[in-house]
Amino acid sequence: MNTFFTWETLATFAGCVAGTALITQFVKNLPFLKNIATQWVSYVIAVILLLGATFFTGELTWATGALIPFNAVIIALSANGGYSALKRAALPK
């Protein structure tokens, strides 16, 4: 792969989970986000990524737009769970 993220990549489940996890970890300690639960931050990021991906790939319709908030829950939970699993695996025993 010789490119970074594309809108087509972000439109996939794995791409959106990876993007959400990376962006969430990057911005969660910003002063204005520090007091907000990370799960909510990742949910908002997932909504934005899904909305952008469906818009820029030409797939945004009323039907796909109505599913974005529900799909964002799955994406955010997956991103948070994946990060938690990596964190647990990296802890010394």
PDB file of N, CA and C in Angstrom:
ATOM      1  N   MET A   1       0.854  -1.175   0.000  1.00  0.00           N
ATOM      2  CA  MET A   1       0.000   0.000   0.000  1.00  0.00           C
ATOM      3  C   MET A   1       0.893   1.230   0.000  1.00  0.00           C
ATOM      4  N   ASN A   2       0.755   2.065  -0.984  1.00  0.00           N
ATOM      5  CA  ASN A   2       1.609   3.236  -1.094  1.00  0.00           C
ATOM      6  C   ASN A   2       0.872   4.534  -0.794  1.00  0.00           C
ATOM      7  N   THR A   3      -0.306   4.438  -0.225  1.00  0.00           N
ATOM      8  CA  THR A   3      -1.052   5.634   0.168  1.00  0.00           C
ATOM      9  C   THR A   3      -1.437   5.517   1.634  1.00  0.00           C
ATOM     10  N   PHE A   4      -1.765   6.637   2.203  1.00  0.00           N
ATOM     11  CA  PHE A   4      -2.264   6.631   3.568  1.00  0.00           C
ATOM     12  C   PHE A   4      -3.760   6.344   3.503  1.00  0.00           C
ATOM     13  N   PHE A   5      -4.540   6.939   4.369  1.00  0.00           N
ATOM     14  CA  PHE A   5      -5.984   6.716   4.335  1.00  0.00           C
ATOM     15  C   PHE A   5      -6.590   7.364   3.095  1.00  0.00           C
ATOM     16  N   THR A   6      -7.565   6.690   2.525  1.00  0.00           N
ATOM     17  CA  THR A   6      -8.379   7.272   1.458  1.00  0.00           C
ATOM     18  C   THR A   6      -9.822   7.229   1.948  1.00  0.00           C
ATOM     19  N   TRP A   7     -10.692   7.951   1.262  1.00  0.00           N
ATOM     20  CA  TRP A   7     -12.102   7.919   1.657  1.00  0.00           C
ATOM     21  C   TRP A   7     -12.688   6.530   1.461  1.00  0.00           C
ATOM     22  N   GLU A   8     -12.197   5.833   0.450  1.00  0.00           N
ATOM     23  CA  GLU A   8     -12.673   4.459   0.227  1.00  0.00           C
ATOM     24  C   GLU A   8     -12.243   3.544   1.367  1.00  0.00           C
ATOM     25  N   THR A   9     -11.019   3.736   1.863  1.00  0.00           N
ATOM     26  CA  THR A   9     -10.536   2.949   2.998  1.00  0.00           C
ATOM     27  C   THR A   9     -11.335   3.267   4.253  1.00  0.00           C
ATOM     28  N   LEU A  10     -11.589   4.549   4.484  1.00  0.00           N
ATOM     29  CA  LEU A  10     -12.343   4.953   5.668  1.00  0.00           C
ATOM     30  C   LEU A  10     -13.806   4.515   5.595  1.00  0.00           C
ATOM     31  N   ALA A  11     -14.282   4.197   4.425  1.00  0.00           N
ATOM     32  CA  ALA A  11     -15.659   3.725   4.278  1.00  0.00           C
ATOM     33  C   ALA A  11     -15.799   2.260   4.665  1.00  0.00           C
ATOM     34  N   THR A  12     -14.680   1.565   4.866  1.00  0.00           N
ATOM     35  CA  THR A  12     -14.744   0.163   5.295  1.00  0.00           C
ATOM     36  C   THR A  12     -14.754   0.100   6.813  1.00  0.00           C
ATOM     37  N   PHE A  13     -15.208  -1.027   7.341  1.00  0.00           N
ATOM     38  CA  PHE A  13     -15.257  -1.202   8.788  1.00  0.00           C
ATOM     39  C   PHE A  13     -13.857  -1.091   9.397  1.00  0.00           C
ATOM     40  N   ALA A  14     -12.915  -1.850   8.863  1.00  0.00           N
ATOM     41  CA  ALA A  14     -11.561  -1.858   9.418  1.00  0.00           C
ATOM     42  C   ALA A  14     -10.894  -0.494   9.286  1.00  0.00           C
ATOM     43  N   GLY A  15     -11.081   0.155   8.163  1.00  0.00           N
ATOM     44  CA  GLY A  15     -10.486   1.470   7.954  1.00  0.00           C
ATOM     45  C   GLY A  15     -11.034   2.507   8.905  1.00  0.00           C
ATOM     46  N   CYS A  16     -12.329   2.484   9.103  1.00  0.00           N
ATOM     47  CA  CYS A  16     -12.959   3.461   9.992  1.00  0.00           C
ATOM     48  C   CYS A  16     -12.595   3.190  11.451  1.00  0.00           C
ATOM     49  N   VAL A  17     -12.505   1.917  11.840  1.00  0.00           N
ATOM     50  CA  VAL A  17     -12.084   1.585  13.206  1.00  0.00           C
ATOM     51  C   VAL A  17     -10.660   2.076  13.440  1.00  0.00           C
ATOM     52  N   ALA A  18      -9.760   1.811  12.492  1.00  0.00           N
ATOM     53  CA  ALA A  18      -8.374   2.245  12.630  1.00  0.00           C
ATOM     54  C   ALA A  18      -8.278   3.769  12.694  1.00  0.00           C
ATOM     55  N   GLY A  19      -8.980   4.451  11.803  1.00  0.00           N
ATOM     56  CA  GLY A  19      -8.969   5.910  11.809  1.00  0.00           C
ATOM     57  C   GLY A  19      -9.526   6.485  13.094  1.00  0.00           C
ATOM     58  N   THR A  20     -10.627   5.919  13.563  1.00  0.00           N
ATOM     59  CA  THR A  20     -11.238   6.387  14.804  1.00  0.00           C
ATOM     60  C   THR A  20     -10.305   6.182  15.985  1.00  0.00           C
ATOM     61  N   ALA A  21      -9.694   5.010  16.071  1.00  0.00           N
ATOM     62  CA  ALA A  21      -8.784   4.717  17.188  1.00  0.00           C
ATOM     63  C   ALA A  21      -7.589   5.664  17.174  1.00  0.00           C
ATOM     64  N   LEU A  22      -6.992   5.849  16.015  1.00  0.00           N
ATOM     65  CA  LEU A  22      -5.812   6.710  15.925  1.00  0.00           C
ATOM     66  C   LEU A  22      -6.136   8.167  16.253  1.00  0.00           C
ATOM     67  N   ILE A  23      -7.196   8.683  15.676  1.00  0.00           N
ATOM     68  CA  ILE A  23      -7.561  10.078  15.921  1.00  0.00           C
ATOM     69  C   ILE A  23      -7.983  10.276  17.375  1.00  0.00           C
ATOM     70  N   THR A  24      -8.724   9.330  17.937  1.00  0.00           N
ATOM     71  CA  THR A  24      -9.150   9.437  19.330  1.00  0.00           C
ATOM     72  C   THR A  24      -7.946   9.507  20.262  1.00  0.00           C
ATOM     73  N   GLN A  25      -6.973   8.628  20.059  1.00  0.00           N
ATOM     74  CA  GLN A  25      -5.786   8.640  20.917  1.00  0.00           C
ATOM     75  C   GLN A  25      -4.983   9.925  20.752  1.00  0.00           C
ATOM     76  N   PHE A  26      -5.029  10.512  19.581  1.00  0.00           N
ATOM     77  CA  PHE A  26      -4.292  11.742  19.316  1.00  0.00           C
ATOM     78  C   PHE A  26      -4.947  12.958  19.977  1.00  0.00           C
ATOM     79  N   VAL A  27      -6.285  13.014  19.999  1.00  0.00           N
ATOM     80  CA  VAL A  27      -6.966  14.227  20.467  1.00  0.00           C
ATOM     81  C   VAL A  27      -7.561  14.123  21.867  1.00  0.00           C
ATOM     82  N   LYS A  28      -7.608  12.953  22.469  1.00  0.00           N
ATOM     83  CA  LYS A  28      -8.349  12.795  23.726  1.00  0.00           C
ATOM     84  C   LYS A  28      -7.784  13.605  24.886  1.00  0.00           C
ATOM     85  N   ASN A  29      -6.530  13.991  24.839  1.00  0.00           N
ATOM     86  CA  ASN A  29      -5.940  14.766  25.923  1.00  0.00           C
ATOM     87  C   ASN A  29      -5.873  16.260  25.642  1.00  0.00           C
ATOM     88  N   LEU A  30      -6.521  16.704  24.577  1.00  0.00           N
ATOM     89  CA  LEU A  30      -6.603  18.140  24.332  1.00  0.00           C
ATOM     90  C   LEU A  30      -7.374  18.777  25.479  1.00  0.00           C
ATOM     91  N   PRO A  31      -6.986  19.979  25.883  1.00  0.00           N
ATOM     92  CA  PRO A  31      -7.614  20.593  27.066  1.00  0.00           C
ATOM     93  C   PRO A  31      -9.148  20.639  27.024  1.00  0.00           C
ATOM     94  N   PHE A  32      -9.732  20.942  25.883  1.00  0.00           N
ATOM     95  CA  PHE A  32     -11.186  21.055  25.825  1.00  0.00           C
ATOM     96  C   PHE A  32     -11.888  19.700  25.717  1.00  0.00           C
ATOM     97  N   LEU A  33     -11.138  18.613  25.520  1.00  0.00           N
ATOM     98  CA  LEU A  33     -11.727  17.271  25.457  1.00  0.00           C
ATOM     99  C   LEU A  33     -11.369  16.419  26.670  1.00  0.00           C
ATOM    100  N   LYS A  34     -10.475  16.906  27.499  1.00  0.00           N
ATOM    101  CA  LYS A  34      -9.959  16.117  28.615  1.00  0.00           C
ATOM    102  C   LYS A  34     -11.054  15.694  29.599  1.00  0.00           C
ATOM    103  N   ASN A  35     -12.082  16.505  29.775  1.00  0.00           N
ATOM    104  CA  ASN A  35     -13.153  16.203  30.733  1.00  0.00           C
ATOM    105  C   ASN A  35     -14.313  15.428  30.117  1.00  0.00           C
ATOM    106  N   ILE A  36     -14.204  15.078  28.843  1.00  0.00           N
ATOM    107  CA  ILE A  36     -15.260  14.316  28.166  1.00  0.00           C
ATOM    108  C   ILE A  36     -14.807  12.856  28.092  1.00  0.00           C
ATOM    109  N   ALA A  37     -15.722  11.941  28.357  1.00  0.00           N
ATOM    110  CA  ALA A  37     -15.391  10.513  28.310  1.00  0.00           C
ATOM    111  C   ALA A  37     -14.871  10.148  26.921  1.00  0.00           C
ATOM    112  N   THR A  38     -13.819   9.340  26.889  1.00  0.00           N
ATOM    113  CA  THR A  38     -13.193   8.949  25.625  1.00  0.00           C
ATOM    114  C   THR A  38     -14.179   8.251  24.698  1.00  0.00           C
ATOM    115  N   GLN A  39     -15.132   7.511  25.260  1.00  0.00           N
ATOM    116  CA  GLN A  39     -16.127   6.822  24.425  1.00  0.00           C
ATOM    117  C   GLN A  39     -16.946   7.824  23.612  1.00  0.00           C
ATOM    118  N   TRP A  40     -17.278   8.956  24.204  1.00  0.00           N
ATOM    119  CA  TRP A  40     -18.038   9.968  23.476  1.00  0.00           C
ATOM    120  C   TRP A  40     -17.180  10.646  22.419  1.00  0.00           C
ATOM    121  N   VAL A  41     -15.921  10.871  22.744  1.00  0.00           N
ATOM    122  CA  VAL A  41     -15.004  11.470  21.764  1.00  0.00           C
ATOM    123  C   VAL A  41     -14.874  10.553  20.556  1.00  0.00           C
ATOM    124  N   SER A  42     -14.676   9.268  20.801  1.00  0.00           N
ATOM    125  CA  SER A  42     -14.524   8.326  19.682  1.00  0.00           C
ATOM    126  C   SER A  42     -15.826   8.190  18.896  1.00  0.00           C
ATOM    127  N   TYR A  43     -16.968   8.304  19.554  1.00  0.00           N
ATOM    128  CA  TYR A  43     -18.243   8.239  18.834  1.00  0.00           C
ATOM    129  C   TYR A  43     -18.380   9.421  17.869  1.00  0.00           C
ATOM    130  N   VAL A  44     -18.071  10.604  18.335  1.00  0.00           N
ATOM    131  CA  VAL A  44     -18.173  11.799  17.483  1.00  0.00           C
ATOM    132  C   VAL A  44     -17.195  11.689  16.308  1.00  0.00           C
ATOM    133  N   ILE A  45     -15.995  11.204  16.583  1.00  0.00           N
ATOM    134  CA  ILE A  45     -15.011  11.022  15.517  1.00  0.00           C
ATOM    135  C   ILE A  45     -15.519   9.998  14.502  1.00  0.00           C
ATOM    136  N   ALA A  46     -16.098   8.912  14.975  1.00  0.00           N
ATOM    137  CA  ALA A  46     -16.635   7.886  14.073  1.00  0.00           C
ATOM    138  C   ALA A  46     -17.757   8.454  13.200  1.00  0.00           C
ATOM    139  N   VAL A  47     -18.638   9.254  13.779  1.00  0.00           N
ATOM    140  CA  VAL A  47     -19.714   9.883  13.001  1.00  0.00           C
ATOM    141  C   VAL A  47     -19.122  10.769  11.908  1.00  0.00           C
ATOM    142  N   ILE A  48     -18.136  11.578  12.267  1.00  0.00           N
ATOM    143  CA  ILE A  48     -17.521  12.488  11.298  1.00  0.00           C
ATOM    144  C   ILE A  48     -16.837  11.703  10.176  1.00  0.00           C
ATOM    145  N   LEU A  49     -16.083  10.660  10.547  1.00  0.00           N
ATOM    146  CA  LEU A  49     -15.408   9.858   9.530  1.00  0.00           C
ATOM    147  C   LEU A  49     -16.395   9.141   8.612  1.00  0.00           C
ATOM    148  N   LEU A  50     -17.432   8.558   9.185  1.00  0.00           N
ATOM    149  CA  LEU A  50     -18.434   7.867   8.361  1.00  0.00           C
ATOM    150  C   LEU A  50     -19.184   8.836   7.454  1.00  0.00           C
ATOM    151  N   LEU A  51     -19.517   9.990   7.989  1.00  0.00           N
ATOM    152  CA  LEU A  51     -20.210  10.997   7.185  1.00  0.00           C
ATOM    153  C   LEU A  51     -19.322  11.466   6.033  1.00  0.00           C
ATOM    154  N   GLY A  52     -18.061  11.747   6.344  1.00  0.00           N
ATOM    155  CA  GLY A  52     -17.132  12.169   5.294  1.00  0.00           C
ATOM    156  C   GLY A  52     -16.901  11.088   4.259  1.00  0.00           C
ATOM    157  N   ALA A  53     -16.717   9.850   4.723  1.00  0.00           N
ATOM    158  CA  ALA A  53     -16.453   8.744   3.797  1.00  0.00           C
ATOM    159  C   ALA A  53     -17.634   8.488   2.872  1.00  0.00           C
ATOM    160  N   THR A  54     -18.845   8.502   3.415  1.00  0.00           N
ATOM    161  CA  THR A  54     -20.001   8.257   2.550  1.00  0.00           C
ATOM    162  C   THR A  54     -20.260   9.439   1.618  1.00  0.00           C
ATOM    163  N   PHE A  55     -19.988  10.649   2.088  1.00  0.00           N
ATOM    164  CA  PHE A  55     -20.181  11.825   1.237  1.00  0.00           C
ATOM    165  C   PHE A  55     -19.175  11.842   0.092  1.00  0.00           C
ATOM    166  N   PHE A  56     -17.899  11.679   0.408  1.00  0.00           N
ATOM    167  CA  PHE A  56     -16.850  11.813  -0.605  1.00  0.00           C
ATOM    168  C   PHE A  56     -16.735  10.603  -1.531  1.00  0.00           C
ATOM    169  N   THR A  57     -17.370   9.504  -1.167  1.00  0.00           N
ATOM    170  CA  THR A  57     -17.412   8.371  -2.100  1.00  0.00           C
ATOM    171  C   THR A  57     -18.695   8.373  -2.923  1.00  0.00           C
ATOM    172  N   GLY A  58     -19.543   9.358  -2.705  1.00  0.00           N
ATOM    173  CA  GLY A  58     -20.773   9.487  -3.480  1.00  0.00           C
ATOM    174  C   GLY A  58     -21.886   8.559  -3.020  1.00  0.00           C
ATOM    175  N   GLU A  59     -21.769   8.000  -1.846  1.00  0.00           N
ATOM    176  CA  GLU A  59     -22.757   7.049  -1.344  1.00  0.00           C
ATOM    177  C   GLU A  59     -23.747   7.660  -0.350  1.00  0.00           C
ATOM    178  N   LEU A  60     -23.627   8.946  -0.055  1.00  0.00           N
ATOM    179  CA  LEU A  60     -24.491   9.556   0.957  1.00  0.00           C
ATOM    180  C   LEU A  60     -25.891   9.787   0.406  1.00  0.00           C
ATOM    181  N   THR A  61     -26.840   9.075   0.978  1.00  0.00           N
ATOM    182  CA  THR A  61     -28.261   9.258   0.686  1.00  0.00           C
ATOM    183  C   THR A  61     -28.968   9.390   2.033  1.00  0.00           C
ATOM    184  N   TRP A  62     -30.250   9.635   1.999  1.00  0.00           N
ATOM    185  CA  TRP A  62     -31.000   9.689   3.255  1.00  0.00           C
ATOM    186  C   TRP A  62     -30.926   8.348   3.983  1.00  0.00           C
ATOM    187  N   ALA A  63     -30.974   7.272   3.237  1.00  0.00           N
ATOM    188  CA  ALA A  63     -30.944   5.939   3.854  1.00  0.00           C
ATOM    189  C   ALA A  63     -29.585   5.649   4.498  1.00  0.00           C
ATOM    190  N   THR A  64     -28.492   5.932   3.787  1.00  0.00           N
ATOM    191  CA  THR A  64     -27.166   5.685   4.377  1.00  0.00           C
ATOM    192  C   THR A  64     -26.874   6.677   5.495  1.00  0.00           C
ATOM    193  N   GLY A  65     -27.338   7.896   5.337  1.00  0.00           N
ATOM    194  CA  GLY A  65     -27.145   8.900   6.385  1.00  0.00           C
ATOM    195  C   GLY A  65     -27.863   8.542   7.674  1.00  0.00           C
ATOM    196  N   ALA A  66     -29.023   7.931   7.547  1.00  0.00           N
ATOM    197  CA  ALA A  66     -29.774   7.530   8.741  1.00  0.00           C
ATOM    198  C   ALA A  66     -29.089   6.403   9.502  1.00  0.00           C
ATOM    199  N   LEU A  67     -28.273   5.624   8.819  1.00  0.00           N
ATOM    200  CA  LEU A  67     -27.560   4.514   9.472  1.00  0.00           C
ATOM    201  C   LEU A  67     -26.244   4.938  10.109  1.00  0.00           C
ATOM    202  N   ILE A  68     -25.732   6.096   9.742  1.00  0.00           N
ATOM    203  CA  ILE A  68     -24.430   6.530  10.252  1.00  0.00           C
ATOM    204  C   ILE A  68     -24.376   6.569  11.780  1.00  0.00           C
ATOM    205  N   PRO A  69     -25.351   7.137  12.496  1.00  0.00           N
ATOM    206  CA  PRO A  69     -25.250   7.141  13.963  1.00  0.00           C
ATOM    207  C   PRO A  69     -25.201   5.739  14.575  1.00  0.00           C
ATOM    208  N   PHE A  70     -25.890   4.802  13.969  1.00  0.00           N
ATOM    209  CA  PHE A  70     -25.882   3.424  14.488  1.00  0.00           C
ATOM    210  C   PHE A  70     -24.558   2.724  14.176  1.00  0.00           C
ATOM    211  N   ASN A  71     -24.075   2.902  12.948  1.00  0.00           N
ATOM    212  CA  ASN A  71     -22.798   2.306  12.582  1.00  0.00           C
ATOM    213  C   ASN A  71     -21.656   2.924  13.384  1.00  0.00           C
ATOM    214  N   ALA A  72     -21.791   4.208  13.725  1.00  0.00           N
ATOM    215  CA  ALA A  72     -20.750   4.881  14.508  1.00  0.00           C
ATOM    216  C   ALA A  72     -20.624   4.267  15.907  1.00  0.00           C
ATOM    217  N   VAL A  73     -21.719   3.773  16.457  1.00  0.00           N
ATOM    218  CA  VAL A  73     -21.655   3.099  17.763  1.00  0.00           C
ATOM    219  C   VAL A  73     -20.774   1.852  17.643  1.00  0.00           C
ATOM    220  N   ILE A  74     -20.979   1.067  16.602  1.00  0.00           N
ATOM    221  CA  ILE A  74     -20.192  -0.156  16.393  1.00  0.00           C
ATOM    222  C   ILE A  74     -18.727   0.194  16.172  1.00  0.00           C
ATOM    223  N   ILE A  75     -18.463   1.216  15.377  1.00  0.00           N
ATOM    224  CA  ILE A  75     -17.098   1.636  15.097  1.00  0.00           C
ATOM    225  C   ILE A  75     -16.417   2.121  16.379  1.00  0.00           C
ATOM    226  N   ALA A  76     -17.092   2.984  17.143  1.00  0.00           N
ATOM    227  CA  ALA A  76     -16.497   3.535  18.366  1.00  0.00           C
ATOM    228  C   ALA A  76     -16.228   2.434  19.391  1.00  0.00           C
ATOM    229  N   LEU A  77     -17.172   1.525  19.575  1.00  0.00           N
ATOM    230  CA  LEU A  77     -16.964   0.435  20.526  1.00  0.00           C
ATOM    231  C   LEU A  77     -15.816  -0.466  20.089  1.00  0.00           C
ATOM    232  N   SER A  78     -15.697  -0.718  18.804  1.00  0.00           N
ATOM    233  CA  SER A  78     -14.604  -1.538  18.286  1.00  0.00           C
ATOM    234  C   SER A  78     -13.260  -0.836  18.477  1.00  0.00           C
ATOM    235  N   ALA A  79     -13.218   0.450  18.197  1.00  0.00           N
ATOM    236  CA  ALA A  79     -11.975   1.208  18.363  1.00  0.00           C
ATOM    237  C   ALA A  79     -11.553   1.236  19.832  1.00  0.00           C
ATOM    238  N   ASN A  80     -12.500   1.480  20.725  1.00  0.00           N
ATOM    239  CA  ASN A  80     -12.187   1.519  22.157  1.00  0.00           C
ATOM    240  C   ASN A  80     -11.782   0.145  22.664  1.00  0.00           C
ATOM    241  N   GLY A  81     -12.470  -0.891  22.236  1.00  0.00           N
ATOM    242  CA  GLY A  81     -12.143  -2.251  22.661  1.00  0.00           C
ATOM    243  C   GLY A  81     -10.796  -2.701  22.142  1.00  0.00           C
ATOM    244  N   GLY A  82     -10.481  -2.353  20.913  1.00  0.00           N
ATOM    245  CA  GLY A  82      -9.184  -2.701  20.348  1.00  0.00           C
ATOM    246  C   GLY A  82      -8.048  -2.030  21.090  1.00  0.00           C
ATOM    247  N   TYR A  83      -8.240  -0.758  21.440  1.00  0.00           N
ATOM    248  CA  TYR A  83      -7.209  -0.041  22.193  1.00  0.00           C
ATOM    249  C   TYR A  83      -7.042  -0.651  23.586  1.00  0.00           C
ATOM    250  N   SER A  84      -8.143  -0.983  24.233  1.00  0.00           N
ATOM    251  CA  SER A  84      -8.074  -1.601  25.562  1.00  0.00           C
ATOM    252  C   SER A  84      -7.363  -2.950  25.514  1.00  0.00           C
ATOM    253  N   ALA A  85      -7.627  -3.718  24.484  1.00  0.00           N
ATOM    254  CA  ALA A  85      -6.978  -5.024  24.345  1.00  0.00           C
ATOM    255  C   ALA A  85      -5.470  -4.865  24.144  1.00  0.00           C
ATOM    256  N   LEU A  86      -5.055  -3.895  23.320  1.00  0.00           N
ATOM    257  CA  LEU A  86      -3.635  -3.652  23.124  1.00  0.00           C
ATOM    258  C   LEU A  86      -2.970  -3.179  24.412  1.00  0.00           C
ATOM    259  N   LYS A  87      -3.666  -2.350  25.140  1.00  0.00           N
ATOM    260  CA  LYS A  87      -3.139  -1.837  26.402  1.00  0.00           C
ATOM    261  C   LYS A  87      -2.956  -2.979  27.413  1.00  0.00           C
ATOM    262  N   ARG A  88      -3.944  -3.872  27.506  1.00  0.00           N
ATOM    263  CA  ARG A  88      -3.837  -5.018  28.418  1.00  0.00           C
ATOM    264  C   ARG A  88      -2.710  -5.941  28.009  1.00  0.00           C
ATOM    265  N   ALA A  89      -2.547  -6.159  26.732  1.00  0.00           N
ATOM    266  CA  ALA A  89      -1.508  -7.074  26.240  1.00  0.00           C
ATOM    267  C   ALA A  89      -0.104  -6.490  26.472  1.00  0.00           C
ATOM    268  N   ALA A  90       0.019  -5.186  26.505  1.00  0.00           N
ATOM    269  CA  ALA A  90       1.323  -4.541  26.667  1.00  0.00           C
ATOM    270  C   ALA A  90       1.744  -4.417  28.125  1.00  0.00           C
ATOM    271  N   LEU A  91       0.827  -4.660  29.059  1.00  0.00           N
ATOM    272  CA  LEU A  91       1.173  -4.550  30.473  1.00  0.00           C
ATOM    273  C   LEU A  91       2.140  -5.654  30.874  1.00  0.00           C
ATOM    274  N   PRO A  92       3.178  -5.310  31.646  1.00  0.00           N
ATOM    275  CA  PRO A  92       4.083  -6.349  32.111  1.00  0.00           C
ATOM    276  C   PRO A  92       3.396  -7.266  33.114  1.00  0.00           C
ATOM    277  N   LYS A  93       3.787  -8.537  33.091  1.00  0.00           N
ATOM    278  CA  LYS A  93       3.157  -9.513  33.980  1.00  0.00           C
ATOM    279  C   LYS A  93       4.065  -9.907  35.102  1.00  0.00           C
TER     280      LYS A  93
END
